[in-house]
C-alpha cells in the first residue's frame, strides 16, 4: 500500500470540484420539498458504492455494453442540461408520481448528481495517474462531505432563506448548464475524431 498525501489531496479536490455538492444544494432542497425527505446516509452509501465499483470495473462495463467513456459522458451531459434548464427557468420537466418521489434519494441525488458521468469519467482519468487506494480515500472524503450537505440541507435552507436559495439556484443552474455544454462539446469532439 503506497499512501500518498499529495495524491489523496489532489484527487479529493478534483472530485469535490466535479461532484460540486455545494452547487447542487438548490436541487437537493427542491427535491427535499417535493419528496418530503431525502435519506442522506442511503444516498451517500449508494453514491460511494457506485463510484468505487466504477473505479474498478467501469471501463469494462462500458465496453461490455458497447459504449465508450465519451458516449457515456455525452449522455450524462444531456441529463445535466435538463436539470440546469429546470433550475434556471423554474419549470418541471421531470414528472414525478407519488411512488417515484421516494426515488429522489437514488435518482437524481446518488446518480447522476454525486456519482454522475462527470465524476465517473474523472475516476477513470484519476486511475490512470494515481494509486487506487489514494483515489478510494478521496472518494470517501467526498462522500462524507456529501452526507453532511445532504443531512443539513434543511438548516442551510433556513439560513439562506427563499431568496438566497433562488439566487443560488439560478447562478448554479447557469454553471451546471456550462458544465453540461463543456462535457458535451469535449466528448462529442472525441467521438468524431
N, C-alpha and C. Protein backbone atom coordinates (compact mmCIF):
# COMPACT_ATOMS: atom_id res chain seq x y z
N UNK A 1 0.85 -1.20 0.00
CA UNK A 1 0.00 0.00 0.00
C UNK A 1 0.88 1.25 0.00
N UNK A 2 0.70 2.08 -1.00
CA UNK A 2 1.50 3.28 -1.12
C UNK A 2 0.60 4.51 -0.96
N UNK A 3 0.35 4.91 0.31
CA UNK A 3 -0.48 6.08 0.57
C UNK A 3 0.35 7.34 0.35
N UNK A 4 -0.20 8.23 -0.46
CA UNK A 4 0.49 9.47 -0.79
C UNK A 4 -0.47 10.63 -0.50
N UNK A 5 -0.11 11.44 0.50
CA UNK A 5 -0.99 12.54 0.92
C UNK A 5 -1.26 13.51 -0.22
N UNK A 6 -0.25 13.79 -1.03
CA UNK A 6 -0.43 14.74 -2.14
C UNK A 6 -1.43 14.19 -3.16
N UNK A 7 -1.32 12.90 -3.48
CA UNK A 7 -2.27 12.28 -4.41
C UNK A 7 -3.68 12.30 -3.84
N UNK A 8 -3.80 11.99 -2.54
CA UNK A 8 -5.11 11.97 -1.88
C UNK A 8 -5.72 13.37 -1.93
N UNK A 9 -4.92 14.39 -1.57
CA UNK A 9 -5.42 15.78 -1.54
C UNK A 9 -5.83 16.24 -2.94
N UNK A 10 -5.00 15.94 -3.94
CA UNK A 10 -5.31 16.36 -5.31
C UNK A 10 -6.56 15.67 -5.83
N UNK A 11 -6.64 14.35 -5.65
CA UNK A 11 -7.81 13.59 -6.11
C UNK A 11 -9.07 14.06 -5.40
N UNK A 12 -8.96 14.36 -4.09
CA UNK A 12 -10.11 14.84 -3.32
C UNK A 12 -10.60 16.17 -3.87
N UNK A 13 -9.67 17.09 -4.15
CA UNK A 13 -10.06 18.41 -4.67
C UNK A 13 -10.68 18.30 -6.06
N UNK A 14 -10.12 17.44 -6.90
CA UNK A 14 -10.66 17.26 -8.26
C UNK A 14 -12.08 16.71 -8.18
N UNK A 15 -12.27 15.66 -7.37
CA UNK A 15 -13.60 15.07 -7.23
C UNK A 15 -14.59 16.05 -6.61
N UNK A 16 -14.14 16.83 -5.62
CA UNK A 16 -15.00 17.83 -4.98
C UNK A 16 -15.50 18.84 -6.01
N UNK A 17 -14.60 19.28 -6.88
CA UNK A 17 -14.98 20.25 -7.92
C UNK A 17 -15.96 19.65 -8.92
N UNK A 18 -15.74 18.39 -9.28
CA UNK A 18 -16.61 17.74 -10.27
C UNK A 18 -17.97 17.41 -9.67
N UNK A 19 -17.98 16.83 -8.46
CA UNK A 19 -19.26 16.49 -7.81
C UNK A 19 -20.06 17.76 -7.52
N UNK A 20 -19.38 18.82 -7.05
CA UNK A 20 -19.98 20.13 -6.79
C UNK A 20 -21.27 20.02 -5.97
N UNK A 21 -21.16 19.37 -4.81
CA UNK A 21 -22.34 19.17 -3.96
C UNK A 21 -22.89 20.48 -3.42
N UNK A 22 -22.03 21.46 -3.19
CA UNK A 22 -22.49 22.78 -2.73
C UNK A 22 -23.32 23.45 -3.83
N UNK A 23 -22.85 23.32 -5.06
CA UNK A 23 -23.58 23.88 -6.19
C UNK A 23 -24.90 23.17 -6.45
N UNK A 24 -25.00 21.92 -5.98
CA UNK A 24 -26.22 21.15 -6.16
C UNK A 24 -27.23 21.38 -5.05
N UNK A 25 -26.88 22.20 -4.08
CA UNK A 25 -27.76 22.45 -2.94
C UNK A 25 -29.17 22.88 -3.34
N UNK A 26 -29.33 23.78 -4.32
CA UNK A 26 -30.70 24.14 -4.72
C UNK A 26 -31.50 22.95 -5.24
N UNK A 27 -30.86 22.05 -5.98
CA UNK A 27 -31.54 20.85 -6.49
C UNK A 27 -31.96 19.98 -5.31
N UNK A 28 -31.04 19.80 -4.36
CA UNK A 28 -31.30 18.95 -3.18
C UNK A 28 -32.48 19.51 -2.38
N UNK A 29 -32.49 20.83 -2.17
CA UNK A 29 -33.57 21.47 -1.42
C UNK A 29 -34.90 21.31 -2.15
N UNK A 30 -34.86 21.50 -3.47
CA UNK A 30 -36.07 21.34 -4.28
C UNK A 30 -36.60 19.91 -4.20
N UNK A 31 -35.71 18.93 -4.28
CA UNK A 31 -36.11 17.52 -4.18
C UNK A 31 -36.64 17.20 -2.79
N UNK A 32 -36.02 17.77 -1.76
CA UNK A 32 -36.49 17.55 -0.39
C UNK A 32 -37.92 18.10 -0.22
N UNK A 33 -38.19 19.25 -0.84
CA UNK A 33 -39.54 19.84 -0.76
C UNK A 33 -40.56 18.98 -1.51
N UNK A 34 -40.17 18.45 -2.67
CA UNK A 34 -41.08 17.62 -3.46
C UNK A 34 -41.35 16.28 -2.80
N UNK A 35 -40.29 15.64 -2.29
CA UNK A 35 -40.44 14.28 -1.77
C UNK A 35 -40.68 14.22 -0.28
N UNK A 36 -40.46 15.34 0.42
CA UNK A 36 -40.66 15.36 1.86
C UNK A 36 -39.43 14.97 2.64
N UNK A 37 -38.62 14.07 2.11
CA UNK A 37 -37.40 13.67 2.79
C UNK A 37 -36.40 13.09 1.80
N UNK A 38 -35.15 13.16 2.20
CA UNK A 38 -34.07 12.51 1.45
C UNK A 38 -33.27 11.72 2.46
N UNK A 39 -33.04 10.47 2.17
CA UNK A 39 -32.26 9.63 3.08
C UNK A 39 -30.78 9.88 2.81
N UNK A 40 -30.19 10.77 3.60
CA UNK A 40 -28.81 11.23 3.38
C UNK A 40 -27.81 10.09 3.41
N UNK A 41 -27.90 9.24 4.43
CA UNK A 41 -26.97 8.11 4.56
C UNK A 41 -27.08 7.15 3.39
N UNK A 42 -28.31 6.85 3.00
CA UNK A 42 -28.54 5.91 1.89
C UNK A 42 -27.98 6.49 0.58
N UNK A 43 -28.26 7.76 0.33
CA UNK A 43 -27.77 8.41 -0.89
C UNK A 43 -26.24 8.40 -0.94
N UNK A 44 -25.61 8.71 0.21
CA UNK A 44 -24.15 8.75 0.28
C UNK A 44 -23.55 7.36 0.06
N UNK A 45 -24.14 6.34 0.68
CA UNK A 45 -23.63 4.97 0.54
C UNK A 45 -23.79 4.48 -0.90
N UNK A 46 -24.96 4.72 -1.50
CA UNK A 46 -25.19 4.29 -2.89
C UNK A 46 -24.19 4.98 -3.82
N UNK A 47 -23.99 6.29 -3.64
CA UNK A 47 -23.03 7.02 -4.48
C UNK A 47 -21.62 6.47 -4.29
N UNK A 48 -21.23 6.19 -3.04
CA UNK A 48 -19.89 5.65 -2.77
C UNK A 48 -19.70 4.29 -3.43
N UNK A 49 -20.70 3.42 -3.31
CA UNK A 49 -20.62 2.08 -3.91
C UNK A 49 -20.50 2.18 -5.43
N UNK A 50 -21.35 3.04 -6.03
CA UNK A 50 -21.31 3.21 -7.49
C UNK A 50 -19.93 3.70 -7.93
N UNK A 51 -19.39 4.69 -7.21
CA UNK A 51 -18.09 5.26 -7.58
C UNK A 51 -16.95 4.25 -7.42
N UNK A 52 -16.95 3.50 -6.34
CA UNK A 52 -15.87 2.53 -6.11
C UNK A 52 -15.96 1.38 -7.10
N UNK A 53 -17.18 0.88 -7.36
CA UNK A 53 -17.34 -0.19 -8.36
C UNK A 53 -16.89 0.31 -9.72
N UNK A 54 -17.31 1.54 -10.08
CA UNK A 54 -16.94 2.09 -11.38
C UNK A 54 -15.44 2.30 -11.49
N UNK A 55 -14.81 2.65 -10.39
CA UNK A 55 -13.35 2.83 -10.38
C UNK A 55 -12.65 1.54 -10.81
N UNK A 56 -13.16 0.41 -10.34
CA UNK A 56 -12.52 -0.88 -10.63
C UNK A 56 -12.94 -1.47 -11.98
N UNK A 57 -14.25 -1.40 -12.29
CA UNK A 57 -14.71 -2.12 -13.49
C UNK A 57 -15.50 -1.26 -14.47
N UNK A 58 -15.44 0.06 -14.30
CA UNK A 58 -16.23 0.97 -15.14
C UNK A 58 -15.98 0.85 -16.62
N UNK A 59 -14.71 0.90 -16.97
CA UNK A 59 -14.37 0.86 -18.39
C UNK A 59 -14.79 -0.48 -19.02
N UNK A 60 -14.62 -1.58 -18.27
CA UNK A 60 -15.00 -2.90 -18.76
C UNK A 60 -16.52 -3.01 -18.94
N UNK A 61 -17.28 -2.41 -17.99
CA UNK A 61 -18.75 -2.44 -18.10
C UNK A 61 -19.19 -1.69 -19.35
N UNK A 62 -18.60 -0.51 -19.56
CA UNK A 62 -18.96 0.28 -20.74
C UNK A 62 -18.61 -0.46 -22.03
N UNK A 63 -17.42 -1.09 -22.05
CA UNK A 63 -17.01 -1.86 -23.24
C UNK A 63 -17.94 -3.04 -23.48
N UNK A 64 -18.37 -3.69 -22.38
CA UNK A 64 -19.24 -4.86 -22.47
C UNK A 64 -20.57 -4.52 -23.15
N UNK A 65 -21.11 -3.33 -22.85
CA UNK A 65 -22.37 -2.95 -23.47
C UNK A 65 -22.18 -2.09 -24.73
N UNK A 66 -20.94 -1.98 -25.16
CA UNK A 66 -20.64 -1.31 -26.42
C UNK A 66 -20.67 0.20 -26.36
N UNK A 67 -20.38 0.75 -25.19
CA UNK A 67 -20.36 2.21 -25.01
C UNK A 67 -18.97 2.60 -24.56
N UNK A 68 -18.44 3.68 -25.15
CA UNK A 68 -17.16 4.16 -24.65
C UNK A 68 -17.38 5.31 -23.66
N UNK A 69 -16.32 5.73 -23.01
CA UNK A 69 -16.41 6.76 -21.97
C UNK A 69 -16.98 8.06 -22.53
N UNK A 70 -16.63 8.41 -23.76
CA UNK A 70 -17.11 9.65 -24.36
C UNK A 70 -18.62 9.62 -24.59
N UNK A 71 -19.14 8.49 -25.08
CA UNK A 71 -20.58 8.36 -25.29
C UNK A 71 -21.33 8.44 -23.95
N UNK A 72 -20.75 7.84 -22.92
CA UNK A 72 -21.32 7.88 -21.57
C UNK A 72 -21.38 9.32 -21.07
N UNK A 73 -20.31 10.05 -21.30
CA UNK A 73 -20.25 11.45 -20.85
C UNK A 73 -21.24 12.33 -21.60
N UNK A 74 -21.43 12.08 -22.90
CA UNK A 74 -22.39 12.86 -23.70
C UNK A 74 -23.80 12.62 -23.17
N UNK A 75 -24.14 11.36 -22.87
CA UNK A 75 -25.46 11.05 -22.31
C UNK A 75 -25.66 11.77 -20.97
N UNK A 76 -24.63 11.76 -20.14
CA UNK A 76 -24.69 12.46 -18.86
C UNK A 76 -24.84 13.95 -19.03
N UNK A 77 -24.23 14.49 -20.08
CA UNK A 77 -24.34 15.93 -20.36
C UNK A 77 -25.79 16.32 -20.62
N UNK A 78 -26.54 15.45 -21.31
CA UNK A 78 -27.95 15.73 -21.57
C UNK A 78 -28.76 15.79 -20.26
N UNK A 79 -28.49 14.85 -19.35
CA UNK A 79 -29.19 14.84 -18.06
C UNK A 79 -28.90 16.13 -17.30
N UNK A 80 -27.60 16.50 -17.22
CA UNK A 80 -27.21 17.73 -16.53
C UNK A 80 -27.84 18.95 -17.18
N UNK A 81 -27.92 18.94 -18.52
CA UNK A 81 -28.51 20.04 -19.28
C UNK A 81 -29.96 20.27 -18.87
N UNK A 82 -30.75 19.19 -18.80
CA UNK A 82 -32.16 19.33 -18.46
C UNK A 82 -32.37 19.72 -17.00
N UNK A 83 -31.52 19.23 -16.10
CA UNK A 83 -31.60 19.65 -14.70
C UNK A 83 -31.29 21.15 -14.59
N UNK A 84 -30.29 21.61 -15.37
CA UNK A 84 -29.92 23.04 -15.37
C UNK A 84 -31.07 23.90 -15.91
N UNK A 85 -31.73 23.44 -16.96
CA UNK A 85 -32.87 24.17 -17.53
C UNK A 85 -33.98 24.32 -16.49
N UNK A 86 -34.25 23.24 -15.75
CA UNK A 86 -35.24 23.31 -14.67
C UNK A 86 -34.86 24.38 -13.65
N UNK A 87 -33.58 24.41 -13.26
CA UNK A 87 -33.12 25.36 -12.24
C UNK A 87 -33.23 26.80 -12.73
N UNK A 88 -32.82 27.03 -13.97
CA UNK A 88 -32.78 28.40 -14.50
C UNK A 88 -34.18 28.94 -14.76
N UNK A 89 -35.03 28.13 -15.38
CA UNK A 89 -36.35 28.60 -15.79
C UNK A 89 -37.43 28.37 -14.73
N UNK A 90 -37.12 27.59 -13.70
CA UNK A 90 -38.10 27.32 -12.65
C UNK A 90 -39.26 26.48 -13.13
N UNK A 91 -38.98 25.59 -14.09
CA UNK A 91 -40.02 24.70 -14.62
C UNK A 91 -39.72 23.26 -14.20
N UNK A 92 -40.69 22.40 -14.37
CA UNK A 92 -40.50 20.99 -14.01
C UNK A 92 -40.64 20.13 -15.26
N UNK A 93 -39.52 19.60 -15.71
CA UNK A 93 -39.51 18.73 -16.89
C UNK A 93 -39.76 17.28 -16.51
N UNK A 94 -39.25 16.89 -15.33
CA UNK A 94 -39.37 15.51 -14.88
C UNK A 94 -40.62 15.39 -14.02
N UNK A 95 -41.64 14.71 -14.55
CA UNK A 95 -42.86 14.50 -13.79
C UNK A 95 -42.64 13.35 -12.82
N UNK A 96 -43.00 13.57 -11.55
CA UNK A 96 -42.80 12.54 -10.54
C UNK A 96 -44.13 12.15 -9.93
N UNK A 97 -44.39 10.85 -9.92
CA UNK A 97 -45.58 10.33 -9.25
C UNK A 97 -45.26 10.19 -7.77
N UNK A 98 -46.27 9.92 -6.98
CA UNK A 98 -46.06 9.75 -5.54
C UNK A 98 -45.10 8.60 -5.26
N UNK A 99 -45.19 7.53 -6.07
CA UNK A 99 -44.31 6.38 -5.86
C UNK A 99 -42.86 6.73 -6.16
N UNK A 100 -42.64 7.59 -7.15
CA UNK A 100 -41.26 7.90 -7.56
C UNK A 100 -40.60 8.97 -6.71
N UNK A 101 -41.37 9.64 -5.84
CA UNK A 101 -40.79 10.68 -5.00
C UNK A 101 -39.74 10.11 -4.06
N UNK A 102 -39.98 8.89 -3.57
CA UNK A 102 -39.02 8.24 -2.68
C UNK A 102 -37.73 7.91 -3.43
N UNK A 103 -37.81 7.85 -4.75
CA UNK A 103 -36.64 7.55 -5.58
C UNK A 103 -35.64 8.70 -5.61
N UNK A 104 -36.03 9.89 -5.14
CA UNK A 104 -35.14 11.06 -5.18
C UNK A 104 -33.81 10.79 -4.51
N UNK A 105 -33.81 9.92 -3.50
CA UNK A 105 -32.58 9.56 -2.81
C UNK A 105 -31.60 8.91 -3.78
N UNK A 106 -32.12 8.04 -4.64
CA UNK A 106 -31.27 7.33 -5.60
C UNK A 106 -31.09 8.15 -6.88
N UNK A 107 -32.21 8.56 -7.47
CA UNK A 107 -32.16 9.34 -8.71
C UNK A 107 -32.94 10.63 -8.50
N UNK A 108 -32.38 11.78 -8.63
CA UNK A 108 -31.08 12.08 -9.20
C UNK A 108 -29.96 12.35 -8.21
N UNK A 109 -30.17 12.16 -6.88
CA UNK A 109 -29.11 12.55 -5.95
C UNK A 109 -27.89 11.63 -6.02
N UNK A 110 -28.07 10.33 -5.70
CA UNK A 110 -26.91 9.43 -5.74
C UNK A 110 -26.36 9.35 -7.16
N UNK A 111 -27.28 9.25 -8.14
CA UNK A 111 -26.90 9.26 -9.55
C UNK A 111 -27.92 10.09 -10.29
N UNK A 112 -27.60 11.11 -11.05
CA UNK A 112 -26.27 11.49 -11.53
C UNK A 112 -25.62 12.68 -10.81
N UNK A 113 -26.24 13.21 -9.73
CA UNK A 113 -25.65 14.40 -9.11
C UNK A 113 -24.30 14.08 -8.47
N UNK A 114 -24.24 13.05 -7.61
CA UNK A 114 -22.98 12.72 -6.93
C UNK A 114 -22.14 11.79 -7.79
N UNK A 115 -22.66 10.62 -8.08
CA UNK A 115 -21.92 9.65 -8.89
C UNK A 115 -22.42 9.75 -10.33
N UNK A 116 -22.19 10.89 -10.93
CA UNK A 116 -22.65 11.13 -12.30
C UNK A 116 -21.58 10.90 -13.34
N UNK A 117 -21.91 11.13 -14.60
CA UNK A 117 -20.95 10.92 -15.68
C UNK A 117 -19.66 11.70 -15.49
N UNK A 118 -19.77 12.93 -14.97
CA UNK A 118 -18.58 13.74 -14.74
C UNK A 118 -17.64 13.11 -13.74
N UNK A 119 -18.20 12.71 -12.58
CA UNK A 119 -17.35 12.11 -11.54
C UNK A 119 -16.86 10.72 -11.94
N UNK A 120 -17.69 9.96 -12.65
CA UNK A 120 -17.28 8.61 -13.06
C UNK A 120 -16.17 8.66 -14.12
N UNK A 121 -16.29 9.57 -15.08
CA UNK A 121 -15.22 9.69 -16.08
C UNK A 121 -13.96 10.27 -15.44
N UNK A 122 -14.13 11.16 -14.44
CA UNK A 122 -12.98 11.69 -13.70
C UNK A 122 -12.25 10.56 -12.97
N UNK A 123 -13.01 9.63 -12.39
CA UNK A 123 -12.39 8.49 -11.70
C UNK A 123 -11.53 7.67 -12.65
N UNK A 124 -12.01 7.48 -13.88
CA UNK A 124 -11.22 6.73 -14.86
C UNK A 124 -9.93 7.47 -15.20
N UNK A 125 -10.03 8.80 -15.29
CA UNK A 125 -8.84 9.61 -15.58
C UNK A 125 -7.86 9.58 -14.40
N UNK A 126 -8.39 9.67 -13.16
CA UNK A 126 -7.53 9.62 -11.97
C UNK A 126 -6.83 8.27 -11.84
N UNK A 127 -7.53 7.22 -12.22
CA UNK A 127 -6.95 5.87 -12.11
C UNK A 127 -5.70 5.72 -12.97
N UNK A 128 -5.68 6.45 -14.08
CA UNK A 128 -4.51 6.39 -14.96
C UNK A 128 -3.30 7.08 -14.34
N UNK A 129 -3.53 7.99 -13.39
CA UNK A 129 -2.43 8.79 -12.82
C UNK A 129 -2.05 8.42 -11.39
N UNK A 130 -3.05 8.00 -10.57
CA UNK A 130 -2.81 7.83 -9.14
C UNK A 130 -3.01 6.38 -8.69
N UNK A 131 -2.43 6.05 -7.52
CA UNK A 131 -2.65 4.74 -6.93
C UNK A 131 -4.11 4.61 -6.49
N UNK A 132 -4.64 3.42 -6.67
CA UNK A 132 -6.06 3.19 -6.45
C UNK A 132 -6.50 3.45 -5.00
N UNK A 133 -5.65 3.11 -4.02
CA UNK A 133 -6.04 3.32 -2.61
C UNK A 133 -6.15 4.81 -2.29
N UNK A 134 -5.35 5.63 -2.94
CA UNK A 134 -5.43 7.08 -2.73
C UNK A 134 -6.73 7.65 -3.31
N UNK A 135 -7.15 7.09 -4.44
CA UNK A 135 -8.42 7.52 -5.06
C UNK A 135 -9.60 7.09 -4.18
N UNK A 136 -9.52 5.89 -3.61
CA UNK A 136 -10.60 5.41 -2.73
C UNK A 136 -10.75 6.32 -1.51
N UNK A 137 -9.63 6.73 -0.93
CA UNK A 137 -9.68 7.66 0.21
C UNK A 137 -10.31 8.99 -0.22
N UNK A 138 -9.95 9.47 -1.41
CA UNK A 138 -10.53 10.71 -1.94
C UNK A 138 -12.04 10.57 -2.11
N UNK A 139 -12.49 9.41 -2.59
CA UNK A 139 -13.93 9.15 -2.73
C UNK A 139 -14.61 9.21 -1.37
N UNK A 140 -14.02 8.54 -0.37
CA UNK A 140 -14.60 8.50 0.98
C UNK A 140 -14.71 9.91 1.58
N UNK A 141 -13.65 10.71 1.42
CA UNK A 141 -13.68 12.09 1.94
C UNK A 141 -14.82 12.87 1.28
N UNK A 142 -14.97 12.73 -0.03
CA UNK A 142 -16.04 13.44 -0.74
C UNK A 142 -17.42 12.95 -0.33
N UNK A 143 -17.56 11.66 -0.09
CA UNK A 143 -18.85 11.10 0.32
C UNK A 143 -19.23 11.61 1.71
N UNK A 144 -18.25 11.78 2.59
CA UNK A 144 -18.52 12.35 3.92
C UNK A 144 -19.04 13.78 3.77
N UNK A 145 -18.41 14.56 2.89
CA UNK A 145 -18.86 15.94 2.63
C UNK A 145 -20.29 15.93 2.06
N UNK A 146 -20.54 15.01 1.12
CA UNK A 146 -21.88 14.88 0.52
C UNK A 146 -22.91 14.58 1.60
N UNK A 147 -22.58 13.63 2.48
CA UNK A 147 -23.50 13.25 3.56
C UNK A 147 -23.82 14.46 4.44
N UNK A 148 -22.80 15.23 4.81
CA UNK A 148 -23.00 16.40 5.68
C UNK A 148 -23.91 17.42 5.00
N UNK A 149 -23.67 17.69 3.71
CA UNK A 149 -24.50 18.66 2.98
C UNK A 149 -25.94 18.16 2.87
N UNK A 150 -26.12 16.86 2.55
CA UNK A 150 -27.47 16.31 2.44
C UNK A 150 -28.18 16.35 3.79
N UNK A 151 -27.47 15.98 4.83
CA UNK A 151 -28.05 15.89 6.18
C UNK A 151 -28.50 17.25 6.69
N UNK A 152 -27.73 18.29 6.39
CA UNK A 152 -28.03 19.61 6.93
C UNK A 152 -28.60 20.58 5.89
N UNK A 153 -29.11 20.04 4.78
CA UNK A 153 -29.64 20.91 3.72
C UNK A 153 -30.83 21.73 4.20
N UNK A 154 -31.67 21.17 5.07
CA UNK A 154 -32.82 21.94 5.56
C UNK A 154 -32.36 23.11 6.45
N UNK A 155 -31.30 22.90 7.23
CA UNK A 155 -30.75 24.00 8.04
C UNK A 155 -30.14 25.07 7.14
N UNK A 156 -29.44 24.62 6.11
CA UNK A 156 -28.87 25.57 5.15
C UNK A 156 -29.98 26.36 4.45
N UNK A 157 -31.09 25.66 4.19
CA UNK A 157 -32.23 26.32 3.56
C UNK A 157 -32.78 27.43 4.46
N UNK A 158 -32.92 27.14 5.76
CA UNK A 158 -33.41 28.16 6.69
C UNK A 158 -32.43 29.32 6.79
N UNK A 159 -31.14 29.01 6.78
CA UNK A 159 -30.11 30.04 6.89
C UNK A 159 -30.11 30.96 5.67
N UNK A 160 -30.23 30.38 4.48
CA UNK A 160 -30.17 31.16 3.25
C UNK A 160 -31.49 31.86 2.92
N UNK A 161 -32.61 31.27 3.32
CA UNK A 161 -33.92 31.84 3.01
C UNK A 161 -34.31 31.56 1.57
N UNK A 162 -35.59 31.85 1.25
CA UNK A 162 -36.10 31.55 -0.10
C UNK A 162 -35.39 32.36 -1.18
N UNK A 163 -35.16 33.64 -0.92
CA UNK A 163 -34.49 34.49 -1.91
C UNK A 163 -33.05 34.04 -2.15
N UNK A 164 -32.35 33.72 -1.06
CA UNK A 164 -30.97 33.25 -1.18
C UNK A 164 -30.87 31.98 -1.99
N UNK A 165 -31.80 31.06 -1.74
CA UNK A 165 -31.81 29.79 -2.47
C UNK A 165 -32.15 30.03 -3.94
N UNK A 166 -33.11 30.92 -4.19
CA UNK A 166 -33.50 31.22 -5.58
C UNK A 166 -32.32 31.80 -6.35
N UNK A 167 -31.57 32.70 -5.71
CA UNK A 167 -30.40 33.29 -6.36
C UNK A 167 -29.34 32.23 -6.62
N UNK A 168 -29.04 31.41 -5.60
CA UNK A 168 -28.05 30.33 -5.76
C UNK A 168 -28.49 29.35 -6.85
N UNK A 169 -29.80 29.04 -6.87
CA UNK A 169 -30.33 28.10 -7.86
C UNK A 169 -30.10 28.61 -9.28
N UNK A 170 -30.38 29.89 -9.51
CA UNK A 170 -30.18 30.46 -10.85
C UNK A 170 -28.70 30.48 -11.23
N UNK A 171 -27.86 30.93 -10.28
CA UNK A 171 -26.41 31.00 -10.56
C UNK A 171 -25.85 29.62 -10.86
N UNK A 172 -26.16 28.66 -9.98
CA UNK A 172 -25.62 27.33 -10.20
C UNK A 172 -26.30 26.60 -11.35
N UNK A 173 -27.50 27.01 -11.70
CA UNK A 173 -28.15 26.47 -12.90
C UNK A 173 -27.35 26.83 -14.14
N UNK A 174 -26.90 28.09 -14.19
CA UNK A 174 -26.08 28.54 -15.32
C UNK A 174 -24.73 27.81 -15.32
N UNK A 175 -24.13 27.66 -14.12
CA UNK A 175 -22.85 26.94 -14.02
C UNK A 175 -23.02 25.48 -14.45
N UNK A 176 -24.12 24.84 -13.98
CA UNK A 176 -24.39 23.45 -14.36
C UNK A 176 -24.61 23.33 -15.86
N UNK A 177 -25.28 24.32 -16.44
CA UNK A 177 -25.50 24.35 -17.89
C UNK A 177 -24.17 24.45 -18.62
N UNK A 178 -23.27 25.29 -18.11
CA UNK A 178 -21.94 25.43 -18.71
C UNK A 178 -21.15 24.13 -18.60
N UNK A 179 -21.25 23.45 -17.45
CA UNK A 179 -20.57 22.16 -17.27
C UNK A 179 -21.13 21.14 -18.25
N UNK A 180 -22.46 21.14 -18.42
CA UNK A 180 -23.10 20.21 -19.36
C UNK A 180 -22.62 20.47 -20.79
N UNK A 181 -22.55 21.75 -21.17
CA UNK A 181 -22.08 22.10 -22.52
C UNK A 181 -20.62 21.69 -22.70
N UNK A 182 -19.79 21.95 -21.68
CA UNK A 182 -18.38 21.57 -21.76
C UNK A 182 -18.22 20.06 -21.87
N UNK A 183 -18.97 19.34 -21.03
CA UNK A 183 -18.93 17.87 -21.05
C UNK A 183 -19.36 17.36 -22.42
N UNK A 184 -20.40 17.99 -22.99
CA UNK A 184 -20.90 17.59 -24.29
C UNK A 184 -19.89 17.88 -25.40
N UNK A 185 -19.40 19.13 -25.46
CA UNK A 185 -18.52 19.52 -26.56
C UNK A 185 -17.18 18.77 -26.54
N UNK A 186 -16.60 18.63 -25.34
CA UNK A 186 -15.30 17.95 -25.29
C UNK A 186 -15.42 16.48 -25.65
N UNK A 187 -16.53 15.85 -25.30
CA UNK A 187 -16.68 14.43 -25.59
C UNK A 187 -17.25 14.16 -26.98
N UNK A 188 -18.07 15.08 -27.51
CA UNK A 188 -18.60 14.88 -28.86
C UNK A 188 -17.47 15.01 -29.88
N UNK A 189 -16.48 15.90 -29.60
CA UNK A 189 -15.32 16.02 -30.49
C UNK A 189 -14.55 14.71 -30.54
N UNK A 190 -14.38 14.09 -29.36
CA UNK A 190 -13.66 12.81 -29.30
C UNK A 190 -14.37 11.72 -30.09
N UNK A 191 -15.70 11.78 -30.09
CA UNK A 191 -16.48 10.76 -30.83
C UNK A 191 -16.28 10.88 -32.33
N UNK A 192 -16.10 12.13 -32.82
CA UNK A 192 -15.95 12.34 -34.25
C UNK A 192 -14.50 12.26 -34.72
N UNK A 193 -13.55 12.23 -33.77
CA UNK A 193 -12.14 12.12 -34.15
C UNK A 193 -11.79 10.68 -34.46
